[in-house]
Amino acid sequence: FGVYHLNVKNETCDIFTISEPVNIYKPLLIILAALLFLCLIWN
């Protein structure tokens, strides 16, 4: 979900970040932590 800009001008290439990407591992860490907590409580 990032947005990038590749500008080719005068035989050179510059890359700009228009919008930063999302952190795809944040929801995974939250879900794994919640599952681990529930398993620990159950056991």
Full PDB file with SEQRES, HELIX, SHEET, SSBOND, CRYST1, ORIGX, SCALE, CONECT and MASTER records, all heavy atoms in Angstrom:
SEQRES   1 A   43  PHE GLY VAL TYR HIS LEU ASN VAL LYS ASN GLU THR CYS          
SEQRES   2 A   43  ASP ILE PHE THR ILE SER GLU PRO VAL ASN ILE TYR LYS          
SEQRES   3 A   43  PRO LEU LEU ILE ILE LEU ALA ALA LEU LEU PHE LEU CYS          
SEQRES   4 A   43  LEU ILE TRP ASN                                              
HELIX    1 AA1 LYS A   26  TRP A   42  1                                  17    
SHEET    1 AA1 2 VAL A   3  LYS A   9  0                                        
SHEET    2 AA1 2 THR A  12  SER A  19 -1                                        
CRYST1    1.000    1.000    1.000  90.00  90.00  90.00 P 1           1          
ORIGX1      1.000000  0.000000  0.000000        0.00000                         
ORIGX2      0.000000  1.000000  0.000000        0.00000                         
ORIGX3      0.000000  0.000000  1.000000        0.00000                         
SCALE1      1.000000  0.000000  0.000000        0.00000                         
SCALE2      0.000000  1.000000  0.000000        0.00000                         
SCALE3      0.000000  0.000000  1.000000        0.00000                         
ATOM      1  N   PHE A   1       0.814  -1.227   0.000  1.00  0.00           N  
ATOM      2  CA  PHE A   1       0.000   0.000   0.000  1.00  0.00           C  
ATOM      3  C   PHE A   1       0.847   1.277   0.000  1.00  0.00           C  
ATOM      4  O   PHE A   1       0.336   2.351   0.323  1.00  0.00           O  
ATOM      5  CB  PHE A   1      -0.985   0.026   1.167  1.00  0.00           C  
ATOM      6  CG  PHE A   1      -2.026  -1.061   1.111  1.00  0.00           C  
ATOM      7  CD1 PHE A   1      -2.775  -1.393   2.221  1.00  0.00           C  
ATOM      8  CD2 PHE A   1      -2.248  -1.781  -0.058  1.00  0.00           C  
ATOM      9  CE1 PHE A   1      -3.728  -2.412   2.167  1.00  0.00           C  
ATOM     10  CE2 PHE A   1      -3.189  -2.799  -0.121  1.00  0.00           C  
ATOM     11  CZ  PHE A   1      -3.934  -3.107   0.998  1.00  0.00           C  
ATOM     12  N   GLY A   2       2.116   1.149  -0.307  1.00  0.00           N  
ATOM     13  CA  GLY A   2       2.928   2.338  -0.466  1.00  0.00           C  
ATOM     14  C   GLY A   2       2.660   2.973  -1.824  1.00  0.00           C  
ATOM     15  O   GLY A   2       2.160   2.328  -2.749  1.00  0.00           O  
ATOM     16  N   VAL A   3       3.000   4.236  -1.947  1.00  0.00           N  
ATOM     17  CA  VAL A   3       2.885   4.947  -3.224  1.00  0.00           C  
ATOM     18  C   VAL A   3       4.257   5.543  -3.535  1.00  0.00           C  
ATOM     19  O   VAL A   3       4.813   6.285  -2.716  1.00  0.00           O  
ATOM     20  CB  VAL A   3       1.814   6.056  -3.192  1.00  0.00           C  
ATOM     21  CG1 VAL A   3       1.728   6.749  -4.550  1.00  0.00           C  
ATOM     22  CG2 VAL A   3       0.460   5.481  -2.805  1.00  0.00           C  
ATOM     23  N   TYR A   4       4.772   5.223  -4.718  1.00  0.00           N  
ATOM     24  CA  TYR A   4       6.133   5.623  -5.076  1.00  0.00           C  
ATOM     25  C   TYR A   4       6.124   6.356  -6.407  1.00  0.00           C  
ATOM     26  O   TYR A   4       5.240   6.159  -7.253  1.00  0.00           O  
ATOM     27  CB  TYR A   4       7.040   4.385  -5.147  1.00  0.00           C  
ATOM     28  CG  TYR A   4       6.999   3.570  -3.884  1.00  0.00           C  
ATOM     29  CD1 TYR A   4       6.123   2.491  -3.758  1.00  0.00           C  
ATOM     30  CD2 TYR A   4       7.804   3.890  -2.796  1.00  0.00           C  
ATOM     31  CE1 TYR A   4       6.061   1.747  -2.595  1.00  0.00           C  
ATOM     32  CE2 TYR A   4       7.746   3.146  -1.624  1.00  0.00           C  
ATOM     33  CZ  TYR A   4       6.868   2.079  -1.532  1.00  0.00           C  
ATOM     34  OH  TYR A   4       6.802   1.360  -0.371  1.00  0.00           O  
ATOM     35  N   HIS A   5       7.133   7.166  -6.588  1.00  0.00           N  
ATOM     36  CA  HIS A   5       7.241   7.967  -7.803  1.00  0.00           C  
ATOM     37  C   HIS A   5       8.640   7.786  -8.385  1.00  0.00           C  
ATOM     38  O   HIS A   5       9.643   8.113  -7.742  1.00  0.00           O  
ATOM     39  CB  HIS A   5       6.991   9.444  -7.490  1.00  0.00           C  
ATOM     40  CG  HIS A   5       7.101  10.351  -8.681  1.00  0.00           C  
ATOM     41  ND1 HIS A   5       7.273  11.713  -8.568  1.00  0.00           N  
ATOM     42  CD2 HIS A   5       7.084  10.083 -10.018  1.00  0.00           C  
ATOM     43  CE1 HIS A   5       7.349  12.237  -9.778  1.00  0.00           C  
ATOM     44  NE2 HIS A   5       7.234  11.271 -10.671  1.00  0.00           N  
ATOM     45  N   LEU A   6       8.700   7.234  -9.585  1.00  0.00           N  
ATOM     46  CA  LEU A   6       9.956   7.087 -10.312  1.00  0.00           C  
ATOM     47  C   LEU A   6      10.025   8.193 -11.361  1.00  0.00           C  
ATOM     48  O   LEU A   6       9.236   8.209 -12.308  1.00  0.00           O  
ATOM     49  CB  LEU A   6      10.037   5.705 -10.975  1.00  0.00           C  
ATOM     50  CG  LEU A   6      11.230   5.453 -11.902  1.00  0.00           C  
ATOM     51  CD1 LEU A   6      12.551   5.579 -11.139  1.00  0.00           C  
ATOM     52  CD2 LEU A   6      11.118   4.086 -12.567  1.00  0.00           C  
ATOM     53  N   ASN A   7      10.959   9.108 -11.178  1.00  0.00           N  
ATOM     54  CA  ASN A   7      11.104  10.248 -12.068  1.00  0.00           C  
ATOM     55  C   ASN A   7      12.368  10.083 -12.909  1.00  0.00           C  
ATOM     56  O   ASN A   7      13.482  10.045 -12.385  1.00  0.00           O  
ATOM     57  CB  ASN A   7      11.181  11.545 -11.246  1.00  0.00           C  
ATOM     58  CG  ASN A   7      11.213  12.779 -12.135  1.00  0.00           C  
ATOM     59  OD1 ASN A   7      10.676  12.766 -13.241  1.00  0.00           O  
ATOM     60  ND2 ASN A   7      11.850  13.834 -11.668  1.00  0.00           N  
ATOM     61  N   VAL A   8      12.176   9.930 -14.213  1.00  0.00           N  
ATOM     62  CA  VAL A   8      13.292   9.764 -15.142  1.00  0.00           C  
ATOM     63  C   VAL A   8      13.466  11.071 -15.904  1.00  0.00           C  
ATOM     64  O   VAL A   8      12.593  11.465 -16.695  1.00  0.00           O  
ATOM     65  CB  VAL A   8      13.035   8.601 -16.120  1.00  0.00           C  
ATOM     66  CG1 VAL A   8      14.239   8.404 -17.034  1.00  0.00           C  
ATOM     67  CG2 VAL A   8      12.714   7.322 -15.366  1.00  0.00           C  
ATOM     68  N   LYS A   9      14.595  11.714 -15.658  1.00  0.00           N  
ATOM     69  CA  LYS A   9      14.798  13.043 -16.263  1.00  0.00           C  
ATOM     70  C   LYS A   9      16.287  13.270 -16.481  1.00  0.00           C  
ATOM     71  O   LYS A   9      17.105  13.032 -15.584  1.00  0.00           O  
ATOM     72  CB  LYS A   9      14.234  14.125 -15.329  1.00  0.00           C  
ATOM     73  CG  LYS A   9      14.274  15.525 -15.908  1.00  0.00           C  
ATOM     74  CD  LYS A   9      13.624  16.512 -14.946  1.00  0.00           C  
ATOM     75  CE  LYS A   9      13.634  17.922 -15.523  1.00  0.00           C  
ATOM     76  NZ  LYS A   9      13.029  18.895 -14.569  1.00  0.00           N  
ATOM     77  N   ASN A  10      16.606  13.715 -17.688  1.00  0.00           N  
ATOM     78  CA  ASN A  10      17.993  14.060 -18.031  1.00  0.00           C  
ATOM     79  C   ASN A  10      18.957  12.914 -17.730  1.00  0.00           C  
ATOM     80  O   ASN A  10      20.007  13.093 -17.099  1.00  0.00           O  
ATOM     81  CB  ASN A  10      18.440  15.324 -17.273  1.00  0.00           C  
ATOM     82  CG  ASN A  10      17.596  16.526 -17.625  1.00  0.00           C  
ATOM     83  OD1 ASN A  10      17.121  16.655 -18.760  1.00  0.00           O  
ATOM     84  ND2 ASN A  10      17.370  17.398 -16.643  1.00  0.00           N  
ATOM     85  N   GLU A  11      18.594  11.719 -18.174  1.00  0.00           N  
ATOM     86  CA  GLU A  11      19.434  10.533 -18.035  1.00  0.00           C  
ATOM     87  C   GLU A  11      19.698  10.132 -16.580  1.00  0.00           C  
ATOM     88  O   GLU A  11      20.659   9.422 -16.280  1.00  0.00           O  
ATOM     89  CB  GLU A  11      20.786  10.740 -18.749  1.00  0.00           C  
ATOM     90  CG  GLU A  11      20.662  11.051 -20.232  1.00  0.00           C  
ATOM     91  CD  GLU A  11      20.096   9.870 -21.013  1.00  0.00           C  
ATOM     92  OE1 GLU A  11      20.577   8.746 -20.809  1.00  0.00           O  
ATOM     93  OE2 GLU A  11      19.158  10.071 -21.806  1.00  0.00           O  
ATOM     94  N   THR A  12      18.847  10.567 -15.670  1.00  0.00           N  
ATOM     95  CA  THR A  12      18.970  10.160 -14.265  1.00  0.00           C  
ATOM     96  C   THR A  12      17.614   9.678 -13.769  1.00  0.00           C  
ATOM     97  O   THR A  12      16.567  10.029 -14.333  1.00  0.00           O  
ATOM     98  CB  THR A  12      19.439  11.324 -13.370  1.00  0.00           C  
ATOM     99  OG1 THR A  12      18.477  12.390 -13.430  1.00  0.00           O  
ATOM    100  CG2 THR A  12      20.814  11.823 -13.798  1.00  0.00           C  
ATOM    101  N   CYS A  13      17.656   8.879 -12.711  1.00  0.00           N  
ATOM    102  CA  CYS A  13      16.433   8.327 -12.134  1.00  0.00           C  
ATOM    103  C   CYS A  13      16.387   8.632 -10.639  1.00  0.00           C  
ATOM    104  O   CYS A  13      17.337   8.315  -9.916  1.00  0.00           O  
ATOM    105  CB  CYS A  13      16.360   6.819 -12.340  1.00  0.00           C  
ATOM    106  SG  CYS A  13      16.394   6.296 -14.062  1.00  0.00           S  
ATOM    107  N   ASP A  14      15.305   9.237 -10.203  1.00  0.00           N  
ATOM    108  CA  ASP A  14      15.094   9.500  -8.785  1.00  0.00           C  
ATOM    109  C   ASP A  14      13.806   8.816  -8.334  1.00  0.00           C  
ATOM    110  O   ASP A  14      12.820   8.784  -9.065  1.00  0.00           O  
ATOM    111  CB  ASP A  14      14.985  11.002  -8.511  1.00  0.00           C  
ATOM    112  CG  ASP A  14      16.270  11.738  -8.831  1.00  0.00           C  
ATOM    113  OD1 ASP A  14      17.336  11.156  -8.571  1.00  0.00           O  
ATOM    114  OD2 ASP A  14      16.205  12.859  -9.355  1.00  0.00           O  
ATOM    115  N   ILE A  15      13.828   8.284  -7.125  1.00  0.00           N  
ATOM    116  CA  ILE A  15      12.638   7.637  -6.568  1.00  0.00           C  
ATOM    117  C   ILE A  15      12.181   8.423  -5.353  1.00  0.00           C  
ATOM    118  O   ILE A  15      12.972   8.719  -4.457  1.00  0.00           O  
ATOM    119  CB  ILE A  15      12.921   6.178  -6.162  1.00  0.00           C  
ATOM    120  CG1 ILE A  15      13.371   5.361  -7.375  1.00  0.00           C  
ATOM    121  CG2 ILE A  15      11.678   5.544  -5.565  1.00  0.00           C  
ATOM    122  CD1 ILE A  15      13.691   3.927  -7.042  1.00  0.00           C  
ATOM    123  N   PHE A  16      10.895   8.751  -5.331  1.00  0.00           N  
ATOM    124  CA  PHE A  16      10.303   9.453  -4.200  1.00  0.00           C  
ATOM    125  C   PHE A  16       9.270   8.550  -3.524  1.00  0.00           C  
ATOM    126  O   PHE A  16       8.562   7.809  -4.203  1.00  0.00           O  
ATOM    127  CB  PHE A  16       9.600  10.735  -4.660  1.00  0.00           C  
ATOM    128  CG  PHE A  16      10.467  11.673  -5.444  1.00  0.00           C  
ATOM    129  CD1 PHE A  16      10.561  11.559  -6.830  1.00  0.00           C  
ATOM    130  CD2 PHE A  16      11.186  12.669  -4.807  1.00  0.00           C  
ATOM    131  CE1 PHE A  16      11.340  12.420  -7.560  1.00  0.00           C  
ATOM    132  CE2 PHE A  16      11.973  13.535  -5.537  1.00  0.00           C  
ATOM    133  CZ  PHE A  16      12.057  13.419  -6.916  1.00  0.00           C  
ATOM    134  N   THR A  17       9.181   8.623  -2.222  1.00  0.00           N  
ATOM    135  CA  THR A  17       8.109   7.952  -1.495  1.00  0.00           C  
ATOM    136  C   THR A  17       6.982   8.947  -1.271  1.00  0.00           C  
ATOM    137  O   THR A  17       7.121   9.889  -0.488  1.00  0.00           O  
ATOM    138  CB  THR A  17       8.601   7.424  -0.137  1.00  0.00           C  
ATOM    139  OG1 THR A  17       9.646   6.480  -0.360  1.00  0.00           O  
ATOM    140  CG2 THR A  17       7.475   6.731   0.609  1.00  0.00           C  
ATOM    141  N   ILE A  18       5.891   8.763  -1.968  1.00  0.00           N  
ATOM    142  CA  ILE A  18       4.733   9.648  -1.806  1.00  0.00           C  
ATOM    143  C   ILE A  18       3.959   9.289  -0.543  1.00  0.00           C  
ATOM    144  O   ILE A  18       3.510  10.156   0.200  1.00  0.00           O  
ATOM    145  CB  ILE A  18       3.822   9.570  -3.049  1.00  0.00           C  
ATOM    146  CG1 ILE A  18       4.585  10.065  -4.281  1.00  0.00           C  
ATOM    147  CG2 ILE A  18       2.554  10.395  -2.854  1.00  0.00           C  
ATOM    148  CD1 ILE A  18       3.796   9.928  -5.573  1.00  0.00           C  
ATOM    149  N   SER A  19       3.801   7.993  -0.299  1.00  0.00           N  
ATOM    150  CA  SER A  19       3.094   7.526   0.898  1.00  0.00           C  
ATOM    151  C   SER A  19       3.802   6.288   1.426  1.00  0.00           C  
ATOM    152  O   SER A  19       4.094   5.357   0.663  1.00  0.00           O  
ATOM    153  CB  SER A  19       1.639   7.202   0.574  1.00  0.00           C  
ATOM    154  OG  SER A  19       0.966   6.706   1.708  1.00  0.00           O  
ATOM    155  N   GLU A  20       4.060   6.281   2.729  1.00  0.00           N  
ATOM    156  CA  GLU A  20       4.768   5.160   3.347  1.00  0.00           C  
ATOM    157  C   GLU A  20       3.914   3.897   3.321  1.00  0.00           C  
ATOM    158  O   GLU A  20       2.688   3.955   3.438  1.00  0.00           O  
ATOM    159  CB  GLU A  20       5.122   5.493   4.805  1.00  0.00           C  
ATOM    160  CG  GLU A  20       6.183   6.569   4.949  1.00  0.00           C  
ATOM    161  CD  GLU A  20       7.568   6.060   4.590  1.00  0.00           C  
ATOM    162  OE1 GLU A  20       7.717   4.837   4.408  1.00  0.00           O  
ATOM    163  OE2 GLU A  20       8.489   6.884   4.486  1.00  0.00           O  
ATOM    164  N   PRO A  21       4.535   2.726   3.177  1.00  0.00           N  
ATOM    165  CA  PRO A  21       3.785   1.468   3.214  1.00  0.00           C  
ATOM    166  C   PRO A  21       3.296   1.153   4.618  1.00  0.00           C  
ATOM    167  O   PRO A  21       3.787   1.714   5.601  1.00  0.00           O  
ATOM    168  CB  PRO A  21       4.814   0.436   2.739  1.00  0.00           C  
ATOM    169  CG  PRO A  21       6.135   1.020   3.147  1.00  0.00           C  
ATOM    170  CD  PRO A  21       5.981   2.509   2.978  1.00  0.00           C  
ATOM    171  N   VAL A  22       2.357   0.239   4.709  1.00  0.00           N  
ATOM    172  CA  VAL A  22       1.844  -0.180   6.016  1.00  0.00           C  
ATOM    173  C   VAL A  22       2.772  -1.244   6.605  1.00  0.00           C  
ATOM    174  O   VAL A  22       3.542  -1.892   5.895  1.00  0.00           O  
ATOM    175  CB  VAL A  22       0.414  -0.740   5.894  1.00  0.00           C  
ATOM    176  CG1 VAL A  22      -0.534   0.303   5.363  1.00  0.00           C  
ATOM    177  CG2 VAL A  22       0.398  -1.991   5.008  1.00  0.00           C  
ATOM    178  N   ASN A  23       2.686  -1.419   7.919  1.00  0.00           N  
ATOM    179  CA  ASN A  23       3.448  -2.467   8.598  1.00  0.00           C  
ATOM    180  C   ASN A  23       2.613  -3.750   8.570  1.00  0.00           C  
ATOM    181  O   ASN A  23       1.662  -3.902   9.334  1.00  0.00           O  
ATOM    182  CB  ASN A  23       3.743  -2.059  10.040  1.00  0.00           C  
ATOM    183  CG  ASN A  23       4.620  -3.060  10.766  1.00  0.00           C  
ATOM    184  OD1 ASN A  23       4.797  -4.202  10.325  1.00  0.00           O  
ATOM    185  ND2 ASN A  23       5.178  -2.659  11.891  1.00  0.00           N  
ATOM    186  N   ILE A  24       2.972  -4.675   7.674  1.00  0.00           N  
ATOM    187  CA  ILE A  24       2.141  -5.868   7.480  1.00  0.00           C  
ATOM    188  C   ILE A  24       2.267  -6.864   8.633  1.00  0.00           C  
ATOM    189  O   ILE A  24       1.403  -7.734   8.802  1.00  0.00           O  
ATOM    190  CB  ILE A  24       2.479  -6.572   6.152  1.00  0.00           C  
ATOM    191  CG1 ILE A  24       3.926  -7.094   6.164  1.00  0.00           C  
ATOM    192  CG2 ILE A  24       2.234  -5.661   4.974  1.00  0.00           C  
ATOM    193  CD1 ILE A  24       4.260  -7.939   4.959  1.00  0.00           C  
ATOM    194  N   TYR A  25       3.330  -6.753   9.433  1.00  0.00           N  
ATOM    195  CA  TYR A  25       3.547  -7.733  10.506  1.00  0.00           C  
ATOM    196  C   TYR A  25       2.912  -7.325  11.836  1.00  0.00           C  
ATOM    197  O   TYR A  25       2.829  -8.137  12.750  1.00  0.00           O  
ATOM    198  CB  TYR A  25       5.041  -7.983  10.698  1.00  0.00           C  
ATOM    199  CG  TYR A  25       5.674  -8.670   9.513  1.00  0.00           C  
ATOM    200  CD1 TYR A  25       6.489  -7.975   8.636  1.00  0.00           C  
ATOM    201  CD2 TYR A  25       5.411 -10.006   9.254  1.00  0.00           C  
ATOM    202  CE1 TYR A  25       7.050  -8.601   7.522  1.00  0.00           C  
ATOM    203  CE2 TYR A  25       5.962 -10.643   8.156  1.00  0.00           C  
ATOM    204  CZ  TYR A  25       6.781  -9.938   7.293  1.00  0.00           C  
ATOM    205  OH  TYR A  25       7.333 -10.561   6.200  1.00  0.00           O  
ATOM    206  N   LYS A  26       2.452  -6.104  11.943  1.00  0.00           N  
ATOM    207  CA  LYS A  26       1.841  -5.652  13.195  1.00  0.00           C  
ATOM    208  C   LYS A  26       0.588  -6.459  13.548  1.00  0.00           C  
ATOM    209  O   LYS A  26       0.461  -6.938  14.686  1.00  0.00           O  
ATOM    210  CB  LYS A  26       1.518  -4.160  13.096  1.00  0.00           C  
ATOM    211  CG  LYS A  26       0.986  -3.565  14.392  1.00  0.00           C  
ATOM    212  CD  LYS A  26       0.768  -2.064  14.249  1.00  0.00           C  
ATOM    213  CE  LYS A  26       0.228  -1.468  15.554  1.00  0.00           C  
ATOM    214  NZ  LYS A  26       0.013   0.004  15.428  1.00  0.00           N  
ATOM    215  N   PRO A  27      -0.377  -6.642  12.619  1.00  0.00           N  
ATOM    216  CA  PRO A  27      -1.556  -7.454  12.975  1.00  0.00           C  
ATOM    217  C   PRO A  27      -1.200  -8.896  13.301  1.00  0.00           C  
ATOM    218  O   PRO A  27      -1.819  -9.508  14.170  1.00  0.00           O  
ATOM    219  CB  PRO A  27      -2.444  -7.364  11.721  1.00  0.00           C  
ATOM    220  CG  PRO A  27      -1.542  -6.924  10.617  1.00  0.00           C  
ATOM    221  CD  PRO A  27      -0.505  -6.073  11.265  1.00  0.00           C  
ATOM    222  N   LEU A  28      -0.178  -9.445  12.614  1.00  0.00           N  
ATOM    223  CA  LEU A  28       0.221 -10.822  12.895  1.00  0.00           C  
ATOM    224  C   LEU A  28       0.758 -10.960  14.310  1.00  0.00           C  
ATOM    225  O   LEU A  28       0.416 -11.905  15.024  1.00  0.00           O  
ATOM    226  CB  LEU A  28       1.282 -11.271  11.889  1.00  0.00           C  
ATOM    227  CG  LEU A  28       1.847 -12.680  12.090  1.00  0.00           C  
ATOM    228  CD1 LEU A  28       0.748 -13.725  11.918  1.00  0.00           C  
ATOM    229  CD2 LEU A  28       2.996 -12.945  11.126  1.00  0.00           C  
ATOM    230  N   LEU A  29       1.589 -10.015  14.733  1.00  0.00           N  
ATOM    231  CA  LEU A  29       2.150 -10.061  16.080  1.00  0.00           C  
ATOM    232  C   LEU A  29       1.056  -9.926  17.140  1.00  0.00           C  
ATOM    233  O   LEU A  29       1.086 -10.604  18.171  1.00  0.00           O  
ATOM    234  CB  LEU A  29       3.192  -8.954  16.250  1.00  0.00           C  
ATOM    235  CG  LEU A  29       4.471  -9.109  15.416  1.00  0.00           C  
ATOM    236  CD1 LEU A  29       5.363  -7.874  15.571  1.00  0.00           C  
ATOM    237  CD2 LEU A  29       5.235 -10.364  15.823  1.00  0.00           C  
ATOM    238  N   ILE A  30       0.088  -9.066  16.885  1.00  0.00           N  
ATOM    239  CA  ILE A  30      -1.021  -8.879  17.829  1.00  0.00           C  
ATOM    240  C   ILE A  30      -1.847 -10.171  17.941  1.00  0.00           C  
ATOM    241  O   ILE A  30      -2.200 -10.622  19.045  1.00  0.00           O  
ATOM    242  CB  ILE A  30      -1.913  -7.698  17.395  1.00  0.00           C  
ATOM    243  CG1 ILE A  30      -1.127  -6.376  17.504  1.00  0.00           C  
ATOM    244  CG2 ILE A  30      -3.187  -7.640  18.249  1.00  0.00           C  
ATOM    245  CD1 ILE A  30      -1.879  -5.182  16.950  1.00  0.00           C  
ATOM    246  N   ILE A  31      -2.159 -10.792  16.798  1.00  0.00           N  
ATOM    247  CA  ILE A  31      -2.950 -12.025  16.794  1.00  0.00           C  
ATOM    248  C   ILE A  31      -2.194 -13.150  17.494  1.00  0.00           C  
ATOM    249  O   ILE A  31      -2.759 -13.880  18.322  1.00  0.00           O  
ATOM    250  CB  ILE A  31      -3.303 -12.421  15.346  1.00  0.00           C  
ATOM    251  CG1 ILE A  31      -4.306 -11.428  14.756  1.00  0.00           C  
ATOM    252  CG2 ILE A  31      -3.875 -13.840  15.299  1.00  0.00           C  
ATOM    253  CD1 ILE A  31      -4.568 -11.623  13.282  1.00  0.00           C  
ATOM    254  N   LEU A  32      -0.904 -13.304  17.190  1.00  0.00           N  
ATOM    255  CA  LEU A  32      -0.111 -14.360  17.814  1.00  0.00           C  
ATOM    256  C   LEU A  32      -0.002 -14.153  19.327  1.00  0.00           C  
ATOM    257  O   LEU A  32      -0.083 -15.113  20.103  1.00  0.00           O  
ATOM    258  CB  LEU A  32       1.284 -14.410  17.192  1.00  0.00           C  
ATOM    259  CG  LEU A  32       1.359 -14.915  15.750  1.00  0.00           C  
ATOM    260  CD1 LEU A  32       2.794 -14.860  15.244  1.00  0.00           C  
ATOM    261  CD2 LEU A  32       0.829 -16.340  15.644  1.00  0.00           C  
ATOM    262  N   ALA A  33       0.167 -12.901  19.755  1.00  0.00           N  
ATOM    263  CA  ALA A  33       0.251 -12.603  21.184  1.00  0.00           C  
ATOM    264  C   ALA A  33      -1.067 -12.945  21.887  1.00  0.00           C  
ATOM    265  O   ALA A  33      -1.067 -13.516  22.978  1.00  0.00           O  
ATOM    266  CB  ALA A  33       0.606 -11.140  21.393  1.00  0.00           C  
ATOM    267  N   ALA A  34      -2.190 -12.598  21.238  1.00  0.00           N  
ATOM    268  CA  ALA A  34      -3.509 -12.897  21.820  1.00  0.00           C  
ATOM    269  C   ALA A  34      -3.735 -14.404  21.922  1.00  0.00           C  
ATOM    270  O   ALA A  34      -4.215 -14.916  22.941  1.00  0.00           O  
ATOM    271  CB  ALA A  34      -4.603 -12.243  20.982  1.00  0.00           C  
ATOM    272  N   LEU A  35      -3.372 -15.148  20.860  1.00  0.00           N  
ATOM    273  CA  LEU A  35      -3.544 -16.603  20.872  1.00  0.00           C  
ATOM    274  C   LEU A  35      -2.655 -17.252  21.925  1.00  0.00           C  
ATOM    275  O   LEU A  35      -3.081 -18.178  22.630  1.00  0.00           O  
ATOM    276  CB  LEU A  35      -3.227 -17.176  19.489  1.00  0.00           C  
ATOM    277  CG  LEU A  35      -4.233 -16.866  18.370  1.00  0.00           C  
ATOM    278  CD1 LEU A  35      -3.720 -17.393  17.035  1.00  0.00           C  
ATOM    279  CD2 LEU A  35      -5.600 -17.471  18.685  1.00  0.00           C  
ATOM    280  N   LEU A  36      -1.422 -16.782  22.033  1.00  0.00           N  
ATOM    281  CA  LEU A  36      -0.505 -17.325  23.034  1.00  0.00           C  
ATOM    282  C   LEU A  36      -1.026 -17.080  24.443  1.00  0.00           C  
ATOM    283  O   LEU A  36      -0.975 -17.968  25.305  1.00  0.00           O  
ATOM    284  CB  LEU A  36       0.878 -16.708  22.865  1.00  0.00           C  
ATOM    285  CG  LEU A  36       1.966 -17.191  23.841  1.00  0.00           C  
ATOM    286  CD1 LEU A  36       2.184 -18.685  23.704  1.00  0.00           C  
ATOM    287  CD2 LEU A  36       3.266 -16.432  23.611  1.00  0.00           C  
ATOM    288  N   PHE A  37      -1.564 -15.889  24.676  1.00  0.00           N  
ATOM    289  CA  PHE A  37      -2.111 -15.557  25.992  1.00  0.00           C  
ATOM    290  C   PHE A  37      -3.301 -16.462  26.334  1.00  0.00           C  
ATOM    291  O   PHE A  37      -3.386 -17.001  27.453  1.00  0.00           O  
ATOM    292  CB  PHE A  37      -2.551 -14.087  26.015  1.00  0.00           C  
ATOM    293  CG  PHE A  37      -3.200 -13.667  27.300  1.00  0.00           C  
ATOM    294  CD1 PHE A  37      -2.438 -13.451  28.442  1.00  0.00           C  
ATOM    295  CD2 PHE A  37      -4.580 -13.493  27.370  1.00  0.00           C  
ATOM    296  CE1 PHE A  37      -3.039 -13.066  29.638  1.00  0.00           C  
ATOM    297  CE2 PHE A  37      -5.186 -13.109  28.552  1.00  0.00           C  
ATOM    298  CZ  PHE A  37      -4.409 -12.892  29.695  1.00  0.00           C  
ATOM    299  N   LEU A  38      -4.208 -16.665  25.361  1.00  0.00           N  
ATOM    300  CA  LEU A  38      -5.371 -17.517  25.593  1.00  0.00           C  
ATOM    301  C   LEU A  38      -4.955 -18.963  25.855  1.00  0.00           C  
ATOM    302  O   LEU A  38      -5.520 -19.639  26.729  1.00  0.00           O  
ATOM    303  CB  LEU A  38      -6.318 -17.454  24.399  1.00  0.00           C  
ATOM    304  CG  LEU A  38      -7.046 -16.117  24.177  1.00  0.00           C  
ATOM    305  CD1 LEU A  38      -7.847 -16.147  22.887  1.00  0.00           C  
ATOM    306  CD2 LEU A  38      -7.966 -15.805  25.360  1.00  0.00           C  
ATOM    307  N   CYS A  39      -3.949 -19.445  25.114  1.00  0.00           N  
ATOM    308  CA  CYS A  39      -3.468 -20.818  25.315  1.00  0.00           C  
ATOM    309  C   CYS A  39      -2.834 -20.981  26.695  1.00  0.00           C  
ATOM    310  O   CYS A  39      -3.045 -21.997  27.367  1.00  0.00           O  
ATOM    311  CB  CYS A  39      -2.449 -21.178  24.234  1.00  0.00           C  
ATOM    312  SG  CYS A  39      -3.178 -21.472  22.606  1.00  0.00           S  
ATOM    313  N   LEU A  40      -2.079 -19.978  27.124  1.00  0.00           N  
ATOM    314  CA  LEU A  40      -1.448 -20.044  28.440  1.00  0.00           C  
ATOM    315  C   LEU A  40      -2.490 -20.068  29.552  1.00  0.00           C  
ATOM    316  O   LEU A  40      -2.379 -20.832  30.512  1.00  0.00           O  
ATOM    317  CB  LEU A  40      -0.497 -18.857  28.624  1.00  0.00           C  
ATOM    318  CG  LEU A  40       0.802 -18.894  27.816  1.00  0.00           C  
ATOM    319  CD1 LEU A  40       1.576 -17.587  27.987  1.00  0.00           C  
ATOM    320  CD2 LEU A  40       1.671 -20.072  28.241  1.00  0.00           C  
ATOM    321  N   ILE A  41      -3.518 -19.218  29.420  1.00  0.00           N  
ATOM    322  CA  ILE A  41      -4.580 -19.175  30.420  1.00  0.00           C  
ATOM    323  C   ILE A  41      -5.321 -20.513  30.466  1.00  0.00           C  
ATOM    324  O   ILE A  41      -5.585 -21.074  31.545  1.00  0.00           O  
ATOM    325  CB  ILE A  41      -5.569 -18.026  30.123  1.00  0.00           C  
ATOM    326  CG1 ILE A  41      -4.867 -16.665  30.286  1.00  0.00           C  
ATOM    327  CG2 ILE A  41      -6.787 -18.114  31.027  1.00  0.00           C  
ATOM    328  CD1 ILE A  41      -4.364 -16.393  31.683  1.00  0.00           C  
ATOM    329  N   TRP A  42      -5.655 -21.042  29.281  1.00  0.00           N  
ATOM    330  CA  TRP A  42      -6.388 -22.308  29.212  1.00  0.00           C  
ATOM    331  C   TRP A  42      -5.600 -23.438  29.853  1.00  0.00           C  
ATOM    332  O   TRP A  42      -6.119 -24.224  30.648  1.00  0.00           O  
ATOM    333  CB  TRP A  42      -6.702 -22.629  27.757  1.00  0.00           C  
ATOM    334  CG  TRP A  42      -7.346 -23.977  27.582  1.00  0.00           C  
ATOM    335  CD1 TRP A  42      -6.718 -25.164  27.309  1.00  0.00           C  
ATOM    336  CD2 TRP A  42      -8.743 -24.285  27.696  1.00  0.00           C  
ATOM    337  NE1 TRP A  42      -7.616 -26.188  27.230  1.00  0.00           N  
ATOM    338  CE2 TRP A  42      -8.881 -25.686  27.463  1.00  0.00           C  
ATOM    339  CE3 TRP A  42      -9.883 -23.532  27.951  1.00  0.00           C  
ATOM    340  CZ2 TRP A  42     -10.105 -26.317  27.485  1.00  0.00           C  
ATOM    341  CZ3 TRP A  42     -11.100 -24.179  27.968  1.00  0.00           C  
ATOM    342  CH2 TRP A  42     -11.210 -25.537  27.746  1.00  0.00           C  
ATOM    343  N   ASN A  43      -4.320 -23.545  29.497  1.00  0.00           N  
ATOM    344  CA  ASN A  43      -3.502 -24.639  30.019  1.00  0.00           C  
ATOM    345  C   ASN A  43      -3.191 -24.454  31.499  1.00  0.00           C  
ATOM    346  O   ASN A  43      -3.045 -25.437  32.228  1.00  0.00           O  
ATOM    347  CB  ASN A  43      -2.212 -24.754  29.215  1.00  0.00           C  
ATOM    348  CG  ASN A  43      -2.418 -25.443  27.873  1.00  0.00           C  
ATOM    349  OD1 ASN A  43      -2.520 -26.658  27.795  1.00  0.00           O  
ATOM    350  ND2 ASN A  43      -2.509 -24.641  26.819  1.00  0.00           N  
TER     351      ASN A  43                                                      
MASTER        0    0    0    1    2    0    0    6  350    1    0    4          
END                                                                             
